[in-house]
Protein backbone atom coordinates (compact mmCIF):
# COMPACT_ATOMS: atom_id res chain seq x y z
CA UNK A 1 0.00 0.00 0.00
CA UNK A 2 1.33 3.40 -0.91
CA UNK A 3 2.10 5.94 1.78
CA UNK A 4 1.71 9.16 -0.29
CA UNK A 5 5.41 10.00 0.07
CA UNK A 6 7.31 11.43 -2.90
CA UNK A 7 9.60 9.00 -4.69
CA UNK A 8 12.82 10.26 -6.29
CA UNK A 9 14.72 8.12 -8.79
CA UNK A 10 17.92 9.60 -10.22
CA UNK A 11 18.83 9.51 -13.90
CA UNK A 12 20.33 6.15 -14.81
CA UNK A 13 19.05 4.56 -11.60
CA UNK A 14 16.44 1.98 -10.68
CA UNK A 15 13.68 2.69 -8.13
CA UNK A 16 14.97 -0.17 -5.96
CA UNK A 17 18.65 0.10 -6.93
CA UNK A 18 18.44 -3.33 -8.56
CA UNK A 19 19.95 -4.33 -11.89
CA UNK A 20 17.16 -5.62 -14.12
CA UNK A 21 18.12 -7.08 -17.50
CA UNK A 22 15.31 -8.70 -19.45
CA UNK A 23 16.51 -12.08 -20.73
CA UNK A 24 20.07 -11.06 -19.82
CA UNK A 25 20.03 -8.53 -22.68
CA UNK A 26 18.05 -5.36 -22.11
CA UNK A 27 18.68 -3.06 -19.16
CA UNK A 28 15.42 -1.97 -17.53
CA UNK A 29 15.14 0.56 -14.74
CA UNK A 30 11.95 0.66 -12.70
CA UNK A 31 11.04 4.34 -12.32
CA UNK A 32 7.58 4.12 -10.73
CA UNK A 33 6.66 0.92 -8.92
CA UNK A 34 3.25 -0.60 -8.37
CA UNK A 35 4.01 -0.07 -4.66
CA UNK A 36 4.14 3.68 -5.29
CA UNK A 37 0.72 3.85 -6.96
CA UNK A 38 -1.28 1.13 -5.26
CA UNK A 39 -1.11 -0.84 -8.52
CA UNK A 40 -2.48 1.92 -10.72
CA UNK A 41 0.71 2.70 -12.69
CA UNK A 42 4.08 1.12 -13.50
CA UNK A 43 6.80 2.99 -15.43
CA UNK A 44 10.11 1.66 -16.73
CA UNK A 45 13.02 2.98 -18.70
CA UNK A 46 13.86 0.30 -21.26
CA UNK A 47 17.35 0.37 -22.76
CA UNK A 48 18.29 -1.18 -26.07
CA UNK A 49 21.89 -1.89 -27.01
CA UNK A 50 21.05 -3.70 -30.24
CA UNK A 51 18.18 -3.73 -32.74
CA UNK A 52 15.02 -5.67 -31.99
CA UNK A 53 12.13 -5.90 -29.59
CA UNK A 54 9.49 -8.20 -28.13
CA UNK A 55 7.06 -10.39 -30.07
CA UNK A 56 3.68 -8.98 -31.09
CA UNK A 57 1.38 -9.23 -28.10
CA UNK A 58 -1.83 -8.08 -26.45
CA UNK A 59 -2.30 -6.76 -22.92
CA UNK A 60 -5.71 -7.84 -21.74
CA UNK A 61 -5.98 -5.18 -19.03
CA UNK A 62 -3.34 -2.46 -19.57
CA UNK A 63 -2.73 0.47 -21.84
CA UNK A 64 0.96 0.68 -22.76
CA UNK A 65 2.44 4.11 -23.49
CA UNK A 66 5.81 4.55 -25.21
CA UNK A 67 7.98 7.71 -25.20
CA UNK A 68 11.32 7.74 -27.01
CA UNK A 69 14.19 9.18 -24.97
CA UNK A 70 17.00 8.16 -27.30
CA UNK A 71 17.29 6.38 -30.65
CA UNK A 72 14.95 5.32 -33.42
CA UNK A 73 12.04 2.89 -33.03
CA UNK A 74 9.20 1.42 -35.02
CA UNK A 75 5.99 0.66 -33.16
CA UNK A 76 2.96 -1.04 -34.68
CA UNK A 77 -0.38 -0.70 -32.93
CA UNK A 78 -3.11 -2.66 -34.63
CA UNK A 79 -2.64 -2.08 -38.37
CA UNK A 80 -0.79 1.24 -38.05
CA UNK A 81 3.00 1.61 -38.09
CA UNK A 82 4.65 4.54 -36.34
CA UNK A 83 8.31 5.46 -36.90
CA UNK A 84 9.35 7.15 -33.65
CA UNK A 85 12.34 9.29 -32.78
CA UNK A 86 13.35 11.29 -29.73
CA UNK A 87 10.36 13.01 -28.17
CA UNK A 88 7.74 10.96 -30.02
CA UNK A 89 5.10 8.98 -28.13
CA UNK A 90 2.33 6.51 -28.90
CA UNK A 91 -0.32 4.78 -26.79
CA UNK A 92 -1.20 1.13 -27.39
CA UNK A 93 -4.72 0.62 -26.01
CA UNK A 94 -5.53 -2.56 -24.11
CA UNK A 95 -6.68 -5.56 -26.14
CA UNK A 96 -5.05 -4.20 -29.35
CA UNK A 97 -2.08 -6.18 -30.76
CA UNK A 98 1.15 -4.22 -30.75
CA UNK A 99 4.86 -4.74 -31.28
CA UNK A 100 7.91 -2.49 -31.25
CA UNK A 101 11.56 -2.62 -32.21
CA UNK A 102 14.65 -0.51 -31.76
CA UNK A 103 15.85 0.11 -35.33
CA UNK A 104 18.62 2.62 -34.71
CA UNK A 105 22.32 2.22 -34.21
CA UNK A 106 24.10 2.74 -30.92
CA UNK A 107 21.78 2.94 -27.95
CA UNK A 108 18.05 3.39 -27.63
CA UNK A 109 15.91 4.21 -24.61
CA UNK A 110 12.16 4.11 -24.16
CA UNK A 111 10.07 5.31 -21.27
CA UNK A 112 7.18 2.84 -21.02
CA UNK A 113 4.13 3.23 -18.79
CA UNK A 114 1.52 0.59 -18.01
CA UNK A 115 -1.86 1.65 -16.69
CA UNK A 116 -3.20 0.01 -14.63
CA UNK A 117 0.01 -1.72 -13.66
CA UNK A 118 -1.45 -5.21 -13.51
CA UNK A 119 1.22 -7.90 -13.43
CA UNK A 120 3.80 -6.01 -15.48
CA UNK A 121 6.26 -5.40 -12.63
CA UNK A 122 6.28 -9.11 -11.89
CA UNK A 123 6.81 -9.83 -15.60
CA UNK A 124 9.96 -7.71 -15.71
CA UNK A 125 11.25 -9.16 -12.44
CA UNK A 126 10.78 -12.65 -13.87
CA UNK A 127 12.41 -11.81 -17.22
CA UNK A 128 15.39 -10.39 -15.33
CA UNK A 129 15.90 -13.74 -13.65
CA UNK A 130 16.37 -15.39 -17.08
CA UNK A 131 19.79 -15.30 -18.69
CA UNK A 132 18.63 -16.24 -22.19
CA UNK A 133 15.52 -16.01 -24.30
CA UNK A 134 13.22 -18.95 -23.50
CA UNK A 135 11.72 -21.28 -26.11
CA UNK A 136 8.60 -20.00 -27.92
CA UNK A 137 6.40 -22.20 -25.72
CA UNK A 138 8.05 -20.98 -22.50
CA UNK A 139 7.81 -17.37 -23.72
CA UNK A 140 4.08 -17.75 -24.46
CA UNK A 141 3.57 -19.20 -20.97
CA UNK A 142 5.56 -16.34 -19.37
CA UNK A 143 3.45 -13.73 -21.17
CA UNK A 144 0.21 -15.54 -20.27
CA UNK A 145 1.14 -15.71 -16.57
CA UNK A 146 1.36 -11.92 -16.60
CA UNK A 147 -1.88 -11.13 -18.42
CA UNK A 148 -0.63 -11.00 -22.01
CA UNK A 149 -1.14 -13.04 -25.14
CA UNK A 150 1.52 -13.56 -27.80
CA UNK A 151 0.00 -13.14 -31.25
CA UNK A 152 2.98 -12.90 -33.61
CA UNK A 153 6.73 -12.63 -34.07
CA UNK A 154 8.97 -9.65 -33.32
CA UNK A 155 9.34 -7.02 -36.03
CA UNK A 156 12.09 -7.82 -38.52
CA UNK A 157 15.12 -5.52 -38.22
CA UNK A 158 18.06 -5.15 -40.55
C-alpha atoms as a PDB file:
ATOM      1  CA  UNK A   1       0.000   0.000   0.000  1.00  0.00           C
ATOM      2  CA  UNK A   2       1.332   3.398  -0.910  1.00  0.00           C
ATOM      3  CA  UNK A   3       2.101   5.943   1.783  1.00  0.00           C
ATOM      4  CA  UNK A   4       1.711   9.159  -0.290  1.00  0.00           C
ATOM      5  CA  UNK A   5       5.406   9.995   0.065  1.00  0.00           C
ATOM      6  CA  UNK A   6       7.306  11.432  -2.902  1.00  0.00           C
ATOM      7  CA  UNK A   7       9.603   9.001  -4.692  1.00  0.00           C
ATOM      8  CA  UNK A   8      12.820  10.258  -6.287  1.00  0.00           C
ATOM      9  CA  UNK A   9      14.717   8.123  -8.794  1.00  0.00           C
ATOM     10  CA  UNK A  10      17.917   9.603 -10.218  1.00  0.00           C
ATOM     11  CA  UNK A  11      18.831   9.509 -13.897  1.00  0.00           C
ATOM     12  CA  UNK A  12      20.326   6.148 -14.809  1.00  0.00           C
ATOM     13  CA  UNK A  13      19.050   4.561 -11.596  1.00  0.00           C
ATOM     14  CA  UNK A  14      16.442   1.981 -10.679  1.00  0.00           C
ATOM     15  CA  UNK A  15      13.685   2.688  -8.132  1.00  0.00           C
ATOM     16  CA  UNK A  16      14.965  -0.173  -5.961  1.00  0.00           C
ATOM     17  CA  UNK A  17      18.652   0.102  -6.930  1.00  0.00           C
ATOM     18  CA  UNK A  18      18.437  -3.330  -8.562  1.00  0.00           C
ATOM     19  CA  UNK A  19      19.953  -4.333 -11.891  1.00  0.00           C
ATOM     20  CA  UNK A  20      17.159  -5.619 -14.124  1.00  0.00           C
ATOM     21  CA  UNK A  21      18.124  -7.080 -17.498  1.00  0.00           C
ATOM     22  CA  UNK A  22      15.313  -8.702 -19.450  1.00  0.00           C
ATOM     23  CA  UNK A  23      16.510 -12.079 -20.727  1.00  0.00           C
ATOM     24  CA  UNK A  24      20.069 -11.061 -19.816  1.00  0.00           C
ATOM     25  CA  UNK A  25      20.032  -8.532 -22.681  1.00  0.00           C
ATOM     26  CA  UNK A  26      18.054  -5.358 -22.108  1.00  0.00           C
ATOM     27  CA  UNK A  27      18.682  -3.056 -19.163  1.00  0.00           C
ATOM     28  CA  UNK A  28      15.419  -1.974 -17.531  1.00  0.00           C
ATOM     29  CA  UNK A  29      15.142   0.564 -14.738  1.00  0.00           C
ATOM     30  CA  UNK A  30      11.949   0.660 -12.702  1.00  0.00           C
ATOM     31  CA  UNK A  31      11.039   4.338 -12.324  1.00  0.00           C
ATOM     32  CA  UNK A  32       7.576   4.121 -10.728  1.00  0.00           C
ATOM     33  CA  UNK A  33       6.657   0.917  -8.923  1.00  0.00           C
ATOM     34  CA  UNK A  34       3.251  -0.597  -8.369  1.00  0.00           C
ATOM     35  CA  UNK A  35       4.011  -0.073  -4.662  1.00  0.00           C
ATOM     36  CA  UNK A  36       4.144   3.682  -5.288  1.00  0.00           C
ATOM     37  CA  UNK A  37       0.724   3.847  -6.965  1.00  0.00           C
ATOM     38  CA  UNK A  38      -1.277   1.126  -5.264  1.00  0.00           C
ATOM     39  CA  UNK A  39      -1.106  -0.838  -8.522  1.00  0.00           C
ATOM     40  CA  UNK A  40      -2.478   1.922 -10.724  1.00  0.00           C
ATOM     41  CA  UNK A  41       0.710   2.698 -12.693  1.00  0.00           C
ATOM     42  CA  UNK A  42       4.077   1.121 -13.504  1.00  0.00           C
ATOM     43  CA  UNK A  43       6.795   2.990 -15.433  1.00  0.00           C
ATOM     44  CA  UNK A  44      10.107   1.660 -16.725  1.00  0.00           C
ATOM     45  CA  UNK A  45      13.025   2.983 -18.699  1.00  0.00           C
ATOM     46  CA  UNK A  46      13.857   0.303 -21.256  1.00  0.00           C
ATOM     47  CA  UNK A  47      17.354   0.366 -22.762  1.00  0.00           C
ATOM     48  CA  UNK A  48      18.291  -1.181 -26.075  1.00  0.00           C
ATOM     49  CA  UNK A  49      21.888  -1.890 -27.006  1.00  0.00           C
ATOM     50  CA  UNK A  50      21.047  -3.702 -30.243  1.00  0.00           C
ATOM     51  CA  UNK A  51      18.182  -3.727 -32.740  1.00  0.00           C
ATOM     52  CA  UNK A  52      15.025  -5.673 -31.990  1.00  0.00           C
ATOM     53  CA  UNK A  53      12.130  -5.897 -29.595  1.00  0.00           C
ATOM     54  CA  UNK A  54       9.491  -8.199 -28.134  1.00  0.00           C
ATOM     55  CA  UNK A  55       7.062 -10.389 -30.075  1.00  0.00           C
ATOM     56  CA  UNK A  56       3.683  -8.980 -31.087  1.00  0.00           C
ATOM     57  CA  UNK A  57       1.383  -9.232 -28.096  1.00  0.00           C
ATOM     58  CA  UNK A  58      -1.826  -8.077 -26.452  1.00  0.00           C
ATOM     59  CA  UNK A  59      -2.300  -6.755 -22.923  1.00  0.00           C
ATOM     60  CA  UNK A  60      -5.712  -7.839 -21.742  1.00  0.00           C
ATOM     61  CA  UNK A  61      -5.976  -5.180 -19.027  1.00  0.00           C
ATOM     62  CA  UNK A  62      -3.344  -2.456 -19.568  1.00  0.00           C
ATOM     63  CA  UNK A  63      -2.729   0.469 -21.839  1.00  0.00           C
ATOM     64  CA  UNK A  64       0.955   0.681 -22.756  1.00  0.00           C
ATOM     65  CA  UNK A  65       2.438   4.110 -23.492  1.00  0.00           C
ATOM     66  CA  UNK A  66       5.810   4.554 -25.211  1.00  0.00           C
ATOM     67  CA  UNK A  67       7.979   7.705 -25.198  1.00  0.00           C
ATOM     68  CA  UNK A  68      11.320   7.741 -27.011  1.00  0.00           C
ATOM     69  CA  UNK A  69      14.189   9.179 -24.966  1.00  0.00           C
ATOM     70  CA  UNK A  70      17.001   8.155 -27.301  1.00  0.00           C
ATOM     71  CA  UNK A  71      17.292   6.385 -30.655  1.00  0.00           C
ATOM     72  CA  UNK A  72      14.946   5.317 -33.424  1.00  0.00           C
ATOM     73  CA  UNK A  73      12.045   2.889 -33.030  1.00  0.00           C
ATOM     74  CA  UNK A  74       9.201   1.423 -35.018  1.00  0.00           C
ATOM     75  CA  UNK A  75       5.994   0.664 -33.162  1.00  0.00           C
ATOM     76  CA  UNK A  76       2.957  -1.038 -34.682  1.00  0.00           C
ATOM     77  CA  UNK A  77      -0.382  -0.701 -32.928  1.00  0.00           C
ATOM     78  CA  UNK A  78      -3.113  -2.663 -34.631  1.00  0.00           C
ATOM     79  CA  UNK A  79      -2.643  -2.079 -38.368  1.00  0.00           C
ATOM     80  CA  UNK A  80      -0.787   1.238 -38.048  1.00  0.00           C
ATOM     81  CA  UNK A  81       3.000   1.614 -38.090  1.00  0.00           C
ATOM     82  CA  UNK A  82       4.653   4.541 -36.343  1.00  0.00           C
ATOM     83  CA  UNK A  83       8.308   5.456 -36.897  1.00  0.00           C
ATOM     84  CA  UNK A  84       9.352   7.145 -33.652  1.00  0.00           C
ATOM     85  CA  UNK A  85      12.344   9.291 -32.784  1.00  0.00           C
ATOM     86  CA  UNK A  86      13.353  11.286 -29.733  1.00  0.00           C
ATOM     87  CA  UNK A  87      10.362  13.008 -28.165  1.00  0.00           C
ATOM     88  CA  UNK A  88       7.736  10.965 -30.021  1.00  0.00           C
ATOM     89  CA  UNK A  89       5.102   8.977 -28.133  1.00  0.00           C
ATOM     90  CA  UNK A  90       2.333   6.508 -28.897  1.00  0.00           C
ATOM     91  CA  UNK A  91      -0.319   4.779 -26.795  1.00  0.00           C
ATOM     92  CA  UNK A  92      -1.197   1.128 -27.387  1.00  0.00           C
ATOM     93  CA  UNK A  93      -4.722   0.618 -26.011  1.00  0.00           C
ATOM     94  CA  UNK A  94      -5.531  -2.558 -24.113  1.00  0.00           C
ATOM     95  CA  UNK A  95      -6.678  -5.556 -26.143  1.00  0.00           C
ATOM     96  CA  UNK A  96      -5.053  -4.205 -29.351  1.00  0.00           C
ATOM     97  CA  UNK A  97      -2.079  -6.181 -30.757  1.00  0.00           C
ATOM     98  CA  UNK A  98       1.150  -4.221 -30.755  1.00  0.00           C
ATOM     99  CA  UNK A  99       4.865  -4.740 -31.280  1.00  0.00           C
ATOM    100  CA  UNK A 100       7.911  -2.494 -31.255  1.00  0.00           C
ATOM    101  CA  UNK A 101      11.564  -2.615 -32.214  1.00  0.00           C
ATOM    102  CA  UNK A 102      14.652  -0.510 -31.764  1.00  0.00           C
ATOM    103  CA  UNK A 103      15.849   0.108 -35.325  1.00  0.00           C
ATOM    104  CA  UNK A 104      18.619   2.621 -34.711  1.00  0.00           C
ATOM    105  CA  UNK A 105      22.317   2.224 -34.209  1.00  0.00           C
ATOM    106  CA  UNK A 106      24.102   2.739 -30.922  1.00  0.00           C
ATOM    107  CA  UNK A 107      21.780   2.941 -27.948  1.00  0.00           C
ATOM    108  CA  UNK A 108      18.048   3.394 -27.634  1.00  0.00           C
ATOM    109  CA  UNK A 109      15.909   4.209 -24.610  1.00  0.00           C
ATOM    110  CA  UNK A 110      12.155   4.109 -24.165  1.00  0.00           C
ATOM    111  CA  UNK A 111      10.075   5.313 -21.267  1.00  0.00           C
ATOM    112  CA  UNK A 112       7.182   2.836 -21.024  1.00  0.00           C
ATOM    113  CA  UNK A 113       4.134   3.232 -18.786  1.00  0.00           C
ATOM    114  CA  UNK A 114       1.519   0.591 -18.008  1.00  0.00           C
ATOM    115  CA  UNK A 115      -1.864   1.651 -16.693  1.00  0.00           C
ATOM    116  CA  UNK A 116      -3.196   0.013 -14.632  1.00  0.00           C
ATOM    117  CA  UNK A 117       0.008  -1.722 -13.658  1.00  0.00           C
ATOM    118  CA  UNK A 118      -1.453  -5.212 -13.513  1.00  0.00           C
ATOM    119  CA  UNK A 119       1.219  -7.896 -13.428  1.00  0.00           C
ATOM    120  CA  UNK A 120       3.802  -6.008 -15.478  1.00  0.00           C
ATOM    121  CA  UNK A 121       6.257  -5.395 -12.634  1.00  0.00           C
ATOM    122  CA  UNK A 122       6.277  -9.113 -11.894  1.00  0.00           C
ATOM    123  CA  UNK A 123       6.807  -9.827 -15.597  1.00  0.00           C
ATOM    124  CA  UNK A 124       9.963  -7.707 -15.712  1.00  0.00           C
ATOM    125  CA  UNK A 125      11.249  -9.162 -12.444  1.00  0.00           C
ATOM    126  CA  UNK A 126      10.784 -12.654 -13.872  1.00  0.00           C
ATOM    127  CA  UNK A 127      12.407 -11.809 -17.224  1.00  0.00           C
ATOM    128  CA  UNK A 128      15.389 -10.385 -15.325  1.00  0.00           C
ATOM    129  CA  UNK A 129      15.900 -13.745 -13.654  1.00  0.00           C
ATOM    130  CA  UNK A 130      16.366 -15.390 -17.076  1.00  0.00           C
ATOM    131  CA  UNK A 131      19.793 -15.300 -18.691  1.00  0.00           C
ATOM    132  CA  UNK A 132      18.632 -16.239 -22.191  1.00  0.00           C
ATOM    133  CA  UNK A 133      15.520 -16.014 -24.304  1.00  0.00           C
ATOM    134  CA  UNK A 134      13.216 -18.951 -23.497  1.00  0.00           C
ATOM    135  CA  UNK A 135      11.719 -21.277 -26.105  1.00  0.00           C
ATOM    136  CA  UNK A 136       8.604 -20.004 -27.925  1.00  0.00           C
ATOM    137  CA  UNK A 137       6.397 -22.195 -25.721  1.00  0.00           C
ATOM    138  CA  UNK A 138       8.045 -20.975 -22.503  1.00  0.00           C
ATOM    139  CA  UNK A 139       7.812 -17.374 -23.716  1.00  0.00           C
ATOM    140  CA  UNK A 140       4.084 -17.749 -24.460  1.00  0.00           C
ATOM    141  CA  UNK A 141       3.568 -19.197 -20.973  1.00  0.00           C
ATOM    142  CA  UNK A 142       5.558 -16.338 -19.369  1.00  0.00           C
ATOM    143  CA  UNK A 143       3.449 -13.731 -21.169  1.00  0.00           C
ATOM    144  CA  UNK A 144       0.211 -15.542 -20.271  1.00  0.00           C
ATOM    145  CA  UNK A 145       1.138 -15.709 -16.567  1.00  0.00           C
ATOM    146  CA  UNK A 146       1.360 -11.919 -16.604  1.00  0.00           C
ATOM    147  CA  UNK A 147      -1.881 -11.127 -18.417  1.00  0.00           C
ATOM    148  CA  UNK A 148      -0.632 -10.998 -22.011  1.00  0.00           C
ATOM    149  CA  UNK A 149      -1.144 -13.045 -25.136  1.00  0.00           C
ATOM    150  CA  UNK A 150       1.516 -13.563 -27.802  1.00  0.00           C
ATOM    151  CA  UNK A 151      -0.002 -13.135 -31.254  1.00  0.00           C
ATOM    152  CA  UNK A 152       2.978 -12.899 -33.607  1.00  0.00           C
ATOM    153  CA  UNK A 153       6.729 -12.628 -34.065  1.00  0.00           C
ATOM    154  CA  UNK A 154       8.966  -9.651 -33.325  1.00  0.00           C
ATOM    155  CA  UNK A 155       9.345  -7.022 -36.033  1.00  0.00           C
ATOM    156  CA  UNK A 156      12.094  -7.823 -38.524  1.00  0.00           C
ATOM    157  CA  UNK A 157      15.122  -5.519 -38.216  1.00  0.00           C
ATOM    158  CA  UNK A 158      18.059  -5.149 -40.547  1.00  0.00           C
END
